[in-house]
């Protein structure tokens, strides 16, 4: 079994751009508060100067898939 890949902030932001996610707060502990384009808050942890790719997959398969309003679109 291989370790999860670490992705940098720029890559995480690019992956989350289709959902209009923004980082709201970053704490020295590594905890970050983010928000989706439909105002759903979520947390991410910074590890080794990046994010575990597993966090991304859990976020997409969990919170985003379960809370995105029907018909929501990032484009006006």
PDB file of N, CA and C in Angstrom:
ATOM      1  N   UNK A   1       0.847  -1.174   0.000  1.00  0.00           N
ATOM      2  CA  UNK A   1       0.000   0.000   0.000  1.00  0.00           C
ATOM      3  C   UNK A   1       0.886   1.227   0.000  1.00  0.00           C
ATOM      4  N   UNK A   2       0.590   2.185  -0.854  1.00  0.00           N
ATOM      5  CA  UNK A   2       1.422   3.384  -0.931  1.00  0.00           C
ATOM      6  C   UNK A   2       0.798   4.517  -0.116  1.00  0.00           C
ATOM      7  N   UNK A   3       1.639   5.446   0.250  1.00  0.00           N
ATOM      8  CA  UNK A   3       1.174   6.601   1.010  1.00  0.00           C
ATOM      9  C   UNK A   3       0.402   7.541   0.090  1.00  0.00           C
ATOM     10  N   UNK A   4      -0.508   8.294   0.682  1.00  0.00           N
ATOM     11  CA  UNK A   4      -1.270   9.261  -0.102  1.00  0.00           C
ATOM     12  C   UNK A   4      -0.341  10.364  -0.599  1.00  0.00           C
ATOM     13  N   UNK A   5      -0.590  10.822  -1.785  1.00  0.00           N
ATOM     14  CA  UNK A   5       0.196  11.895  -2.373  1.00  0.00           C
ATOM     15  C   UNK A   5      -0.147  13.211  -1.680  1.00  0.00           C
ATOM     16  N   UNK A   6       0.843  14.068  -1.516  1.00  0.00           N
ATOM     17  CA  UNK A   6       0.633  15.404  -0.952  1.00  0.00           C
ATOM     18  C   UNK A   6       0.500  16.384  -2.114  1.00  0.00           C
ATOM     19  N   UNK A   7      -0.568  17.165  -2.099  1.00  0.00           N
ATOM     20  CA  UNK A   7      -0.757  18.174  -3.132  1.00  0.00           C
ATOM     21  C   UNK A   7      -0.639  19.559  -2.515  1.00  0.00           C
ATOM     22  N   UNK A   8      -0.060  20.462  -3.242  1.00  0.00           N
ATOM     23  CA  UNK A   8       0.180  21.828  -2.770  1.00  0.00           C
ATOM     24  C   UNK A   8      -1.113  22.643  -2.823  1.00  0.00           C
ATOM     25  N   UNK A   9      -1.069  23.806  -2.153  1.00  0.00           N
ATOM     26  CA  UNK A   9      -2.229  24.687  -2.080  1.00  0.00           C
ATOM     27  C   UNK A   9      -2.757  25.035  -3.473  1.00  0.00           C
ATOM     28  N   UNK A  10      -1.870  25.429  -4.393  1.00  0.00           N
ATOM     29  CA  UNK A  10      -2.303  25.848  -5.732  1.00  0.00           C
ATOM     30  C   UNK A  10      -3.068  24.737  -6.445  1.00  0.00           C
ATOM     31  N   UNK A  11      -2.611  23.496  -6.291  1.00  0.00           N
ATOM     32  CA  UNK A  11      -3.298  22.380  -6.929  1.00  0.00           C
ATOM     33  C   UNK A  11      -4.645  22.123  -6.260  1.00  0.00           C
ATOM     34  N   UNK A  12      -4.685  22.184  -4.929  1.00  0.00           N
ATOM     35  CA  UNK A  12      -5.961  21.978  -4.228  1.00  0.00           C
ATOM     36  C   UNK A  12      -6.956  23.056  -4.645  1.00  0.00           C
ATOM     37  N   UNK A  13      -6.497  24.297  -4.690  1.00  0.00           N
ATOM     38  CA  UNK A  13      -7.378  25.392  -5.087  1.00  0.00           C
ATOM     39  C   UNK A  13      -7.885  25.179  -6.515  1.00  0.00           C
ATOM     40  N   UNK A  14      -7.007  24.767  -7.414  1.00  0.00           N
ATOM     41  CA  UNK A  14      -7.422  24.522  -8.798  1.00  0.00           C
ATOM     42  C   UNK A  14      -8.459  23.403  -8.873  1.00  0.00           C
ATOM     43  N   UNK A  15      -8.275  22.350  -8.087  1.00  0.00           N
ATOM     44  CA  UNK A  15      -9.230  21.242  -8.083  1.00  0.00           C
ATOM     45  C   UNK A  15     -10.586  21.657  -7.523  1.00  0.00           C
ATOM     46  N   UNK A  16     -10.570  22.604  -6.586  1.00  0.00           N
ATOM     47  CA  UNK A  16     -11.819  23.025  -5.942  1.00  0.00           C
ATOM     48  C   UNK A  16     -12.483  24.221  -6.623  1.00  0.00           C
ATOM     49  N   UNK A  17     -11.808  24.825  -7.588  1.00  0.00           N
ATOM     50  CA  UNK A  17     -12.352  25.983  -8.300  1.00  0.00           C
ATOM     51  C   UNK A  17     -13.706  25.706  -8.947  1.00  0.00           C
ATOM     52  N   UNK A  18     -13.948  24.542  -9.536  1.00  0.00           N
ATOM     53  CA  UNK A  18     -15.267  24.303 -10.127  1.00  0.00           C
ATOM     54  C   UNK A  18     -16.415  24.395  -9.115  1.00  0.00           C
ATOM     55  N   UNK A  19     -16.089  24.287  -7.836  1.00  0.00           N
ATOM     56  CA  UNK A  19     -17.104  24.354  -6.779  1.00  0.00           C
ATOM     57  C   UNK A  19     -17.051  25.695  -6.054  1.00  0.00           C
ATOM     58  N   UNK A  20     -16.256  26.626  -6.600  1.00  0.00           N
ATOM     59  CA  UNK A  20     -16.068  27.977  -6.046  1.00  0.00           C
ATOM     60  C   UNK A  20     -15.666  27.952  -4.570  1.00  0.00           C
ATOM     61  N   UNK A  21     -14.839  26.984  -4.196  1.00  0.00           N
ATOM     62  CA  UNK A  21     -14.377  26.880  -2.815  1.00  0.00           C
ATOM     63  C   UNK A  21     -13.283  27.912  -2.549  1.00  0.00           C
ATOM     64  N   UNK A  22     -13.332  28.496  -1.360  1.00  0.00           N
ATOM     65  CA  UNK A  22     -12.323  29.468  -0.940  1.00  0.00           C
ATOM     66  C   UNK A  22     -11.867  29.146   0.478  1.00  0.00           C
ATOM     67  N   UNK A  23     -10.592  29.421   0.726  1.00  0.00           N
ATOM     68  CA  UNK A  23     -10.062  29.257   2.082  1.00  0.00           C
ATOM     69  C   UNK A  23     -10.449  30.500   2.867  1.00  0.00           C
ATOM     70  N   UNK A  24     -11.096  30.295   3.996  1.00  0.00           N
ATOM     71  CA  UNK A  24     -11.571  31.391   4.837  1.00  0.00           C
ATOM     72  C   UNK A  24     -10.545  31.739   5.905  1.00  0.00           C
ATOM     73  N   UNK A  25      -9.972  30.713   6.556  1.00  0.00           N
ATOM     74  CA  UNK A  25      -9.043  30.921   7.665  1.00  0.00           C
ATOM     75  C   UNK A  25      -7.990  29.824   7.679  1.00  0.00           C
ATOM     76  N   UNK A  26      -6.772  30.208   8.028  1.00  0.00           N
ATOM     77  CA  UNK A  26      -5.685  29.243   8.219  1.00  0.00           C
ATOM     78  C   UNK A  26      -5.138  29.453   9.628  1.00  0.00           C
ATOM     79  N   UNK A  27      -5.074  28.386  10.412  1.00  0.00           N
ATOM     80  CA  UNK A  27      -4.535  28.449  11.770  1.00  0.00           C
ATOM     81  C   UNK A  27      -3.127  27.858  11.800  1.00  0.00           C
ATOM     82  N   UNK A  28      -2.308  28.331  12.722  1.00  0.00           N
ATOM     83  CA  UNK A  28      -0.934  27.840  12.849  1.00  0.00           C
ATOM     84  C   UNK A  28      -0.865  26.339  13.093  1.00  0.00           C
ATOM     85  N   UNK A  29      -1.897  25.771  13.639  1.00  0.00           N
ATOM     86  CA  UNK A  29      -1.932  24.328  13.910  1.00  0.00           C
ATOM     87  C   UNK A  29      -2.005  23.497  12.632  1.00  0.00           C
ATOM     88  N   UNK A  30      -2.319  24.150  11.509  1.00  0.00           N
ATOM     89  CA  UNK A  30      -2.471  23.446  10.246  1.00  0.00           C
ATOM     90  C   UNK A  30      -3.926  23.285   9.828  1.00  0.00           C
ATOM     91  N   UNK A  31      -4.832  23.599  10.726  1.00  0.00           N
ATOM     92  CA  UNK A  31      -6.252  23.516  10.407  1.00  0.00           C
ATOM     93  C   UNK A  31      -6.643  24.689   9.517  1.00  0.00           C
ATOM     94  N   UNK A  32      -7.443  24.403   8.504  1.00  0.00           N
ATOM     95  CA  UNK A  32      -7.977  25.459   7.645  1.00  0.00           C
ATOM     96  C   UNK A  32      -9.485  25.312   7.545  1.00  0.00           C
ATOM     97  N   UNK A  33     -10.148  26.444   7.513  1.00  0.00           N
ATOM     98  CA  UNK A  33     -11.593  26.477   7.295  1.00  0.00           C
ATOM     99  C   UNK A  33     -11.803  26.978   5.861  1.00  0.00           C
ATOM    100  N   UNK A  34     -12.569  26.244   5.119  1.00  0.00           N
ATOM    101  CA  UNK A  34     -12.898  26.581   3.736  1.00  0.00           C
ATOM    102  C   UNK A  34     -14.411  26.681   3.618  1.00  0.00           C
ATOM    103  N   UNK A  35     -14.870  27.157   2.463  1.00  0.00           N
ATOM    104  CA  UNK A  35     -16.298  27.268   2.212  1.00  0.00           C
ATOM    105  C   UNK A  35     -16.561  27.000   0.730  1.00  0.00           C
ATOM    106  N   UNK A  36     -17.631  26.280   0.460  1.00  0.00           N
ATOM    107  CA  UNK A  36     -18.021  26.018  -0.924  1.00  0.00           C
ATOM    108  C   UNK A  36     -18.716  27.244  -1.510  1.00  0.00           C
ATOM    109  N   UNK A  37     -18.972  27.208  -2.790  1.00  0.00           N
ATOM    110  CA  UNK A  37     -19.685  28.291  -3.458  1.00  0.00           C
ATOM    111  C   UNK A  37     -21.126  28.428  -3.012  1.00  0.00           C
ATOM    112  N   UNK A  38     -21.653  27.412  -2.342  1.00  0.00           N
ATOM    113  CA  UNK A  38     -23.022  27.485  -1.810  1.00  0.00           C
ATOM    114  C   UNK A  38     -23.003  27.623  -0.287  1.00  0.00           C
ATOM    115  N   UNK A  39     -21.879  28.161   0.217  1.00  0.00           N
ATOM    116  CA  UNK A  39     -21.718  28.540   1.633  1.00  0.00           C
ATOM    117  C   UNK A  39     -21.692  27.380   2.625  1.00  0.00           C
ATOM    118  N   UNK A  40     -21.255  26.211   2.189  1.00  0.00           N
ATOM    119  CA  UNK A  40     -21.119  25.065   3.095  1.00  0.00           C
ATOM    120  C   UNK A  40     -19.685  25.048   3.635  1.00  0.00           C
ATOM    121  N   UNK A  41     -19.491  25.180   4.942  1.00  0.00           N
ATOM    122  CA  UNK A  41     -18.125  25.185   5.494  1.00  0.00           C
ATOM    123  C   UNK A  41     -17.543  23.775   5.590  1.00  0.00           C
ATOM    124  N   UNK A  42     -16.223  23.686   5.483  1.00  0.00           N
ATOM    125  CA  UNK A  42     -15.521  22.422   5.681  1.00  0.00           C
ATOM    126  C   UNK A  42     -14.095  22.717   6.133  1.00  0.00           C
ATOM    127  N   UNK A  43     -13.440  21.707   6.656  1.00  0.00           N
ATOM    128  CA  UNK A  43     -12.068  21.870   7.140  1.00  0.00           C
ATOM    129  C   UNK A  43     -11.110  21.000   6.332  1.00  0.00           C
ATOM    130  N   UNK A  44      -9.885  21.473   6.225  1.00  0.00           N
ATOM    131  CA  UNK A  44      -8.784  20.715   5.642  1.00  0.00           C
ATOM    132  C   UNK A  44      -7.594  20.853   6.584  1.00  0.00           C
ATOM    133  N   UNK A  45      -6.726  19.849   6.569  1.00  0.00           N
ATOM    134  CA  UNK A  45      -5.505  19.881   7.371  1.00  0.00           C
ATOM    135  C   UNK A  45      -4.306  19.991   6.450  1.00  0.00           C
ATOM    136  N   UNK A  46      -3.407  20.902   6.768  1.00  0.00           N
ATOM    137  CA  UNK A  46      -2.154  21.032   6.045  1.00  0.00           C
ATOM    138  C   UNK A  46      -1.166  20.040   6.645  1.00  0.00           C
ATOM    139  N   UNK A  47      -0.584  19.211   5.790  1.00  0.00           N
ATOM    140  CA  UNK A  47       0.388  18.207   6.218  1.00  0.00           C
ATOM    141  C   UNK A  47       1.596  18.300   5.303  1.00  0.00           C
ATOM    142  N   UNK A  48       2.780  18.420   5.862  1.00  0.00           N
ATOM    143  CA  UNK A  48       4.000  18.442   5.049  1.00  0.00           C
ATOM    144  C   UNK A  48       3.924  19.498   3.940  1.00  0.00           C
ATOM    145  N   UNK A  49       3.486  20.694   4.288  1.00  0.00           N
ATOM    146  CA  UNK A  49       3.366  21.812   3.337  1.00  0.00           C
ATOM    147  C   UNK A  49       2.382  21.547   2.209  1.00  0.00           C
ATOM    148  N   UNK A  50       1.385  20.742   2.458  1.00  0.00           N
ATOM    149  CA  UNK A  50       0.359  20.468   1.462  1.00  0.00           C
ATOM    150  C   UNK A  50      -0.799  19.727   2.090  1.00  0.00           C
ATOM    151  N   UNK A  51      -1.596  19.120   1.252  1.00  0.00           N
ATOM    152  CA  UNK A  51      -2.786  18.406   1.700  1.00  0.00           C
ATOM    153  C   UNK A  51      -2.704  16.964   1.216  1.00  0.00           C
ATOM    154  N   UNK A  52      -3.122  16.052   2.031  1.00  0.00           N
ATOM    155  CA  UNK A  52      -3.217  14.661   1.598  1.00  0.00           C
ATOM    156  C   UNK A  52      -4.284  14.593   0.500  1.00  0.00           C
ATOM    157  N   UNK A  53      -3.955  13.927  -0.578  1.00  0.00           N
ATOM    158  CA  UNK A  53      -4.913  13.807  -1.673  1.00  0.00           C
ATOM    159  C   UNK A  53      -6.181  13.084  -1.215  1.00  0.00           C
ATOM    160  N   UNK A  54      -6.059  12.264  -0.178  1.00  0.00           N
ATOM    161  CA  UNK A  54      -7.240  11.588   0.368  1.00  0.00           C
ATOM    162  C   UNK A  54      -8.275  12.585   0.875  1.00  0.00           C
ATOM    163  N   UNK A  55      -7.814  13.710   1.432  1.00  0.00           N
ATOM    164  CA  UNK A  55      -8.758  14.734   1.889  1.00  0.00           C
ATOM    165  C   UNK A  55      -9.619  15.231   0.729  1.00  0.00           C
ATOM    166  N   UNK A  56      -8.986  15.416  -0.414  1.00  0.00           N
ATOM    167  CA  UNK A  56      -9.718  15.886  -1.597  1.00  0.00           C
ATOM    168  C   UNK A  56     -10.793  14.880  -2.002  1.00  0.00           C
ATOM    169  N   UNK A  57     -10.412  13.601  -2.109  1.00  0.00           N
ATOM    170  CA  UNK A  57     -11.378  12.595  -2.537  1.00  0.00           C
ATOM    171  C   UNK A  57     -12.517  12.441  -1.532  1.00  0.00           C
ATOM    172  N   UNK A  58     -12.211  12.518  -0.249  1.00  0.00           N
ATOM    173  CA  UNK A  58     -13.261  12.444   0.775  1.00  0.00           C
ATOM    174  C   UNK A  58     -14.185  13.651   0.695  1.00  0.00           C
ATOM    175  N   UNK A  59     -13.610  14.816   0.417  1.00  0.00           N
ATOM    176  CA  UNK A  59     -14.397  16.042   0.305  1.00  0.00           C
ATOM    177  C   UNK A  59     -15.362  15.957  -0.882  1.00  0.00           C
ATOM    178  N   UNK A  60     -14.853  15.520  -2.020  1.00  0.00           N
ATOM    179  CA  UNK A  60     -15.699  15.425  -3.212  1.00  0.00           C
ATOM    180  C   UNK A  60     -16.788  14.361  -3.032  1.00  0.00           C
ATOM    181  N   UNK A  61     -16.402  13.196  -2.557  1.00  0.00           N
ATOM    182  CA  UNK A  61     -17.358  12.104  -2.392  1.00  0.00           C
ATOM    183  C   UNK A  61     -18.297  12.268  -1.222  1.00  0.00           C
ATOM    184  N   UNK A  62     -17.932  13.100  -0.288  1.00  0.00           N
ATOM    185  CA  UNK A  62     -18.750  13.302   0.905  1.00  0.00           C
ATOM    186  C   UNK A  62     -19.492  14.622   0.846  1.00  0.00           C
ATOM    187  N   UNK A  63     -18.881  15.628   1.409  1.00  0.00           N
ATOM    188  CA  UNK A  63     -19.551  16.924   1.574  1.00  0.00           C
ATOM    189  C   UNK A  63     -20.059  17.512   0.268  1.00  0.00           C
ATOM    190  N   UNK A  64     -19.213  17.594  -0.738  1.00  0.00           N
ATOM    191  CA  UNK A  64     -19.642  18.246  -1.984  1.00  0.00           C
ATOM    192  C   UNK A  64     -20.756  17.454  -2.656  1.00  0.00           C
ATOM    193  N   UNK A  65     -20.596  16.155  -2.785  1.00  0.00           N
ATOM    194  CA  UNK A  65     -21.627  15.337  -3.423  1.00  0.00           C
ATOM    195  C   UNK A  65     -22.940  15.358  -2.646  1.00  0.00           C
ATOM    196  N   UNK A  66     -22.856  15.475  -1.330  1.00  0.00           N
ATOM    197  CA  UNK A  66     -24.067  15.400  -0.510  1.00  0.00           C
ATOM    198  C   UNK A  66     -24.738  16.740  -0.266  1.00  0.00           C
ATOM    199  N   UNK A  67     -24.021  17.854  -0.444  1.00  0.00           N
ATOM    200  CA  UNK A  67     -24.615  19.144  -0.103  1.00  0.00           C
ATOM    201  C   UNK A  67     -24.828  20.080  -1.283  1.00  0.00           C
ATOM    202  N   UNK A  68     -24.247  19.765  -2.449  1.00  0.00           N
ATOM    203  CA  UNK A  68     -24.399  20.657  -3.597  1.00  0.00           C
ATOM    204  C   UNK A  68     -25.872  20.735  -3.990  1.00  0.00           C
ATOM    205  N   UNK A  69     -26.424  21.939  -4.022  1.00  0.00           N
ATOM    206  CA  UNK A  69     -27.832  22.078  -4.394  1.00  0.00           C
ATOM    207  C   UNK A  69     -28.076  21.625  -5.844  1.00  0.00           C
ATOM    208  N   UNK A  70     -29.218  21.044  -6.075  1.00  0.00           N
ATOM    209  CA  UNK A  70     -29.580  20.627  -7.433  1.00  0.00           C
ATOM    210  C   UNK A  70     -29.568  21.860  -8.342  1.00  0.00           C
ATOM    211  N   UNK A  71     -28.933  21.713  -9.482  1.00  0.00           N
ATOM    212  CA  UNK A  71     -28.897  22.819 -10.439  1.00  0.00           C
ATOM    213  C   UNK A  71     -27.846  23.876 -10.150  1.00  0.00           C
ATOM    214  N   UNK A  72     -27.056  23.701  -9.075  1.00  0.00           N
ATOM    215  CA  UNK A  72     -26.034  24.695  -8.749  1.00  0.00           C
ATOM    216  C   UNK A  72     -24.990  24.709  -9.840  1.00  0.00           C
ATOM    217  N   UNK A  73     -24.533  25.903 -10.181  1.00  0.00           N
ATOM    218  CA  UNK A  73     -23.502  26.038 -11.205  1.00  0.00           C
ATOM    219  C   UNK A  73     -22.537  27.134 -10.790  1.00  0.00           C
ATOM    220  N   UNK A  74     -21.257  26.918 -11.043  1.00  0.00           N
ATOM    221  CA  UNK A  74     -20.241  27.908 -10.708  1.00  0.00           C
ATOM    222  C   UNK A  74     -20.308  29.101 -11.669  1.00  0.00           C
ATOM    223  N   UNK A  75     -20.946  28.928 -12.789  1.00  0.00           N
ATOM    224  CA  UNK A  75     -21.061  30.032 -13.745  1.00  0.00           C
ATOM    225  C   UNK A  75     -22.412  30.710 -13.571  1.00  0.00           C
ATOM    226  N   UNK A  76     -22.417  32.029 -13.617  1.00  0.00           N
ATOM    227  CA  UNK A  76     -23.690  32.760 -13.421  1.00  0.00           C
ATOM    228  C   UNK A  76     -24.677  32.551 -14.547  1.00  0.00           C
TER     229      UNK A  76
END
